[in-house]
Every structure is written in C-alpha cells, then in structure tokens.
C-alpha cells in the first residue's frame, strides 16, 4: 500500500515543484509521522482511505488539490495527550508547503476545522466533504467500526480505563447530540443512520 500512496504524493506535489529532492524529503517526513509507534488508526491507511473518497467526489470539489494537501497534513501531528494537534498540524503544513504556490491559509483553516468537526469555510462544500471523509469510519459496518474503536483505545493506552471511558462517552454523546453527523447530503443518506447506531452501541458497551 505504501508504494501506491507514495506515488499519489509524488503525483500531487510534482504539480507544484520540479524539485524532486524536496518532494521526496516531504514524503519522508509524512511517512515518518504517520508511522509513529503511538498510531494505530491515524496512519497512512487513514490518509489512503480519505484520498480514495476524495477521488470519488472529485467532480463535486472546487479546489481539489487544496483538499488533497489538507488530507495529507490534517493528522500529521497527533499526540493523544495534546489538545492542539490540529493547530500544530496546520503550522506544520504551512512550513512544509511554503515553496508551493498554494492558498496555505485555506489549507490551514481546513485542517483546523477537523478539531471540532465543524465547517469553517462555507463558500462551497469542500470543507463539508473533508469532514465527512474524515468521519466516514463512523458509518461503517459494525465489525469495521469495532476495529476502529480498538485502534483508538490503543492510541489512548496511556489512560486507565475509567478515564478513557469517561472521555470517550463525552465524545460519543457530543456527536449524538448534533443535528447531523455529516454535512453533505450524500453522506447523510449513506452514513448517518448507521453511524448513530454504531455510536449508540459503543456507548452502551462502555
């Protein structure tokens, strides 16, 4: 899988620079961060999944490349003990992409929108699609969702069960209290009901 995802990075980045050394250096950084030993869900597999979904909706997305760069960098900084991962990831993206002719501020805002999963940029549906891609796992078949919950628990293994369960319940209830989990009509139709069922089932099991 890594060969395939690496080629996707090179294909995207080479549209903005001819510096192969820079492209490869950025790839090595990306690969290193998403392969950290504390990661079980927020890995290159998560990025690959989001890139695949983005490709399926390419004709619906206005600034497709900006969305792709956002996907690559939105979880590049991920520490379960920190609350500023998205801000740090946005800063990392700005530093990494400073030599690319991109709207970096837009990419930073898109990354930051994944913190609370609320749309920041509403002039089109790009931000909405990004958030729906990111939360698509919630609307998966139960076995896939259950595996995701185990992966998340491993990422928070520093916390004892009583602390983790309390925090996780708060997150689940927050999502369930939202009017909708998803922001695009497509994902509301295909993912909303199953996501709510999964969240409620996990909540009962905690």
Protein backbone atom coordinates (compact mmCIF):
# COMPACT_ATOMS: atom_id res chain seq x y z
CA UNK A 1 0.00 0.00 0.00
CA UNK A 2 2.81 2.43 0.85
CA UNK A 3 4.16 2.31 -2.71
CA UNK A 4 0.78 3.30 -4.06
CA UNK A 5 0.23 6.10 -1.58
CA UNK A 6 3.77 7.37 -2.14
CA UNK A 7 3.08 7.65 -5.87
CA UNK A 8 -0.05 9.65 -5.07
CA UNK A 9 2.02 12.11 -3.06
CA UNK A 10 4.61 12.48 -5.82
CA UNK A 11 1.89 12.97 -8.43
CA UNK A 12 0.28 15.77 -6.41
CA UNK A 13 3.43 17.54 -5.23
CA UNK A 14 5.11 17.44 -8.67
CA UNK A 15 2.37 19.74 -9.96
CA UNK A 16 3.74 22.48 -7.71
CA UNK A 17 7.51 21.98 -7.82
CA UNK A 18 10.10 20.30 -10.01
CA UNK A 19 12.40 19.83 -7.04
CA UNK A 20 12.40 16.05 -6.67
CA UNK A 21 14.61 16.26 -3.60
CA UNK A 22 12.04 18.49 -1.86
CA UNK A 23 9.16 16.22 -2.85
CA UNK A 24 10.97 13.17 -1.52
CA UNK A 25 12.02 14.98 1.67
CA UNK A 26 8.41 15.95 2.35
CA UNK A 27 7.32 12.37 1.68
CA UNK A 28 9.85 11.05 4.17
CA UNK A 29 8.51 13.47 6.78
CA UNK A 30 4.93 12.46 6.07
CA UNK A 31 5.74 8.76 6.18
CA UNK A 32 7.71 9.15 9.40
CA UNK A 33 4.93 10.99 11.22
CA UNK A 34 2.09 8.72 10.16
CA UNK A 35 4.17 5.65 11.06
CA UNK A 36 4.88 6.69 14.64
CA UNK A 37 4.58 3.85 17.13
CA UNK A 38 1.76 5.54 19.06
CA UNK A 39 -0.52 5.45 16.00
CA UNK A 40 -2.97 2.67 15.30
CA UNK A 41 -5.79 4.43 13.46
CA UNK A 42 -4.31 7.79 12.43
CA UNK A 43 -1.88 6.18 10.00
CA UNK A 44 -1.24 6.23 6.27
CA UNK A 45 -4.17 3.83 5.92
CA UNK A 46 -6.48 6.58 7.18
CA UNK A 47 -4.94 9.01 4.69
CA UNK A 48 -5.31 6.50 1.87
CA UNK A 49 -8.95 5.96 2.74
CA UNK A 50 -9.67 9.69 2.66
CA UNK A 51 -7.76 10.16 -0.62
CA UNK A 52 -9.86 7.37 -2.15
CA UNK A 53 -13.08 9.03 -1.05
CA UNK A 54 -11.91 12.40 -2.34
CA UNK A 55 -11.22 10.88 -5.75
CA UNK A 56 -14.77 9.53 -5.85
CA UNK A 57 -16.13 13.04 -5.33
CA UNK A 58 -13.59 14.97 -7.38
CA UNK A 59 -16.29 16.46 -9.62
CA UNK A 60 -18.05 17.89 -6.54
CA UNK A 61 -14.97 19.57 -5.04
CA UNK A 62 -13.98 23.07 -6.13
CA UNK A 63 -10.33 23.26 -5.03
CA UNK A 64 -9.40 19.62 -5.30
CA UNK A 65 -5.64 19.94 -4.80
CA UNK A 66 -6.06 22.10 -1.69
CA UNK A 67 -8.32 19.40 -0.27
CA UNK A 68 -5.77 16.71 -1.09
CA UNK A 69 -2.95 18.61 0.63
CA UNK A 70 -5.26 19.09 3.62
CA UNK A 71 -5.88 15.35 3.81
CA UNK A 72 -2.14 14.65 3.75
CA UNK A 73 -1.38 17.05 6.58
CA UNK A 74 -4.50 17.13 8.76
CA UNK A 75 -3.24 14.49 11.23
CA UNK A 76 0.50 14.82 10.69
CA UNK A 77 0.88 15.92 14.32
CA UNK A 78 -1.01 13.52 16.56
CA UNK A 79 -0.43 13.10 20.28
CA UNK A 80 -3.27 11.68 22.34
CA UNK A 81 -2.19 13.75 25.36
CA UNK A 82 -2.38 17.06 23.47
CA UNK A 83 -5.35 19.24 22.56
CA UNK A 84 -3.65 21.34 19.88
CA UNK A 85 -2.86 18.66 17.31
CA UNK A 86 -4.84 20.36 14.55
CA UNK A 87 -3.21 23.75 15.14
CA UNK A 88 0.21 22.14 15.16
CA UNK A 89 -0.63 20.17 12.01
CA UNK A 90 -1.76 23.37 10.30
CA UNK A 91 1.51 25.06 11.24
CA UNK A 92 3.47 22.03 10.00
CA UNK A 93 1.64 22.21 6.67
CA UNK A 94 2.41 25.91 6.31
CA UNK A 95 6.13 25.30 6.88
CA UNK A 96 6.24 22.27 4.60
CA UNK A 97 4.34 23.83 1.71
CA UNK A 98 5.77 27.35 1.84
CA UNK A 99 7.53 26.92 -1.51
CA UNK A 100 4.38 25.70 -3.25
CA UNK A 101 2.04 28.12 -4.99
CA UNK A 102 -0.95 27.26 -2.82
CA UNK A 103 -3.54 29.05 -0.71
CA UNK A 104 -1.89 27.98 2.54
CA UNK A 105 -4.35 29.87 4.71
CA UNK A 106 -7.21 27.88 3.19
CA UNK A 107 -5.41 24.61 3.84
CA UNK A 108 -4.68 25.64 7.43
CA UNK A 109 -8.33 26.53 8.05
CA UNK A 110 -9.46 23.22 6.58
CA UNK A 111 -7.07 21.35 8.86
CA UNK A 112 -8.24 23.29 11.92
CA UNK A 113 -11.88 22.52 11.04
CA UNK A 114 -11.20 18.85 11.85
CA UNK A 115 -10.64 19.70 15.52
CA UNK A 116 -14.31 20.18 16.36
CA UNK A 117 -15.60 18.81 13.06
CA UNK A 118 -17.42 21.99 12.17
CA UNK A 119 -17.35 23.78 8.85
CA UNK A 120 -15.16 26.89 8.86
CA UNK A 121 -15.12 27.63 5.13
CA UNK A 122 -18.68 27.61 3.80
CA UNK A 123 -18.30 29.33 0.42
CA UNK A 124 -18.50 25.86 -1.15
CA UNK A 125 -18.82 22.23 0.01
CA UNK A 126 -15.09 21.43 0.10
CA UNK A 127 -14.88 21.77 3.88
CA UNK A 128 -18.05 19.73 4.31
CA UNK A 129 -16.70 16.89 2.17
CA UNK A 130 -13.39 16.91 4.05
CA UNK A 131 -15.16 16.45 7.39
CA UNK A 132 -17.43 13.75 6.00
CA UNK A 133 -14.46 11.84 4.59
CA UNK A 134 -12.72 12.10 7.96
CA UNK A 135 -15.72 10.76 9.89
CA UNK A 136 -16.83 8.19 7.32
CA UNK A 137 -15.49 5.40 9.57
CA UNK A 138 -18.35 6.10 11.98
CA UNK A 139 -20.83 4.92 9.37
CA UNK A 140 -19.01 1.69 8.53
CA UNK A 141 -20.23 -1.85 9.09
CA UNK A 142 -20.14 -2.75 12.78
CA UNK A 143 -17.08 -5.03 12.56
CA UNK A 144 -15.05 -2.30 10.85
CA UNK A 145 -16.29 0.26 13.36
CA UNK A 146 -15.48 -2.04 16.27
CA UNK A 147 -11.93 -2.48 15.00
CA UNK A 148 -11.65 1.31 14.74
CA UNK A 149 -12.68 1.65 18.41
CA UNK A 150 -9.94 -0.82 19.40
CA UNK A 151 -7.39 1.19 17.41
CA UNK A 152 -8.46 4.42 19.08
CA UNK A 153 -8.23 2.78 22.51
CA UNK A 154 -4.65 1.76 21.74
CA UNK A 155 -3.81 5.34 20.81
CA UNK A 156 -5.06 6.37 24.25
CA UNK A 157 -3.47 3.46 26.11
CA UNK A 158 -1.66 5.89 28.41
CA UNK A 159 -5.01 6.47 30.13
CA UNK A 160 -6.57 3.92 32.53
CA UNK A 161 -9.98 2.52 31.62
CA UNK A 162 -12.00 4.70 33.97
CA UNK A 163 -10.52 7.86 32.47
CA UNK A 164 -10.76 6.66 28.88
CA UNK A 165 -14.36 5.52 29.20
CA UNK A 166 -15.40 8.84 30.72
CA UNK A 167 -13.71 10.83 27.95
CA UNK A 168 -14.94 8.55 25.19
CA UNK A 169 -18.54 8.74 26.42
CA UNK A 170 -18.32 12.51 26.33
CA UNK A 171 -17.13 12.42 22.71
CA UNK A 172 -19.82 9.97 21.64
CA UNK A 173 -22.61 11.93 23.33
CA UNK A 174 -21.33 15.14 21.75
CA UNK A 175 -21.65 13.61 18.30
CA UNK A 176 -25.05 12.08 19.02
CA UNK A 177 -26.38 15.44 20.19
CA UNK A 178 -25.53 17.06 16.88
CA UNK A 179 -28.37 17.67 14.45
CA UNK A 180 -26.40 15.73 11.85
CA UNK A 181 -23.04 13.97 11.99
CA UNK A 182 -22.41 14.64 8.32
CA UNK A 183 -22.57 17.85 6.32
CA UNK A 184 -23.20 16.69 2.75
CA UNK A 185 -26.47 15.25 1.56
CA UNK A 186 -24.72 12.21 0.13
CA UNK A 187 -23.13 11.17 3.42
CA UNK A 188 -26.27 11.97 5.37
CA UNK A 189 -28.10 9.48 3.17
CA UNK A 190 -25.42 6.77 3.09
CA UNK A 191 -23.75 7.06 6.53
CA UNK A 192 -25.88 8.97 9.06
CA UNK A 193 -28.18 6.24 10.36
CA UNK A 194 -25.52 3.56 10.65
CA UNK A 195 -23.11 6.00 12.32
CA UNK A 196 -25.68 6.82 15.00
CA UNK A 197 -26.37 3.13 15.56
CA UNK A 198 -22.64 2.45 15.94
CA UNK A 199 -22.12 5.34 18.34
CA UNK A 200 -25.07 4.28 20.49
CA UNK A 201 -23.90 0.66 20.50
CA UNK A 202 -20.39 1.65 21.58
CA UNK A 203 -21.83 3.92 24.27
CA UNK A 204 -23.80 1.01 25.71
CA UNK A 205 -20.66 -1.14 25.77
CA UNK A 206 -18.50 1.37 27.66
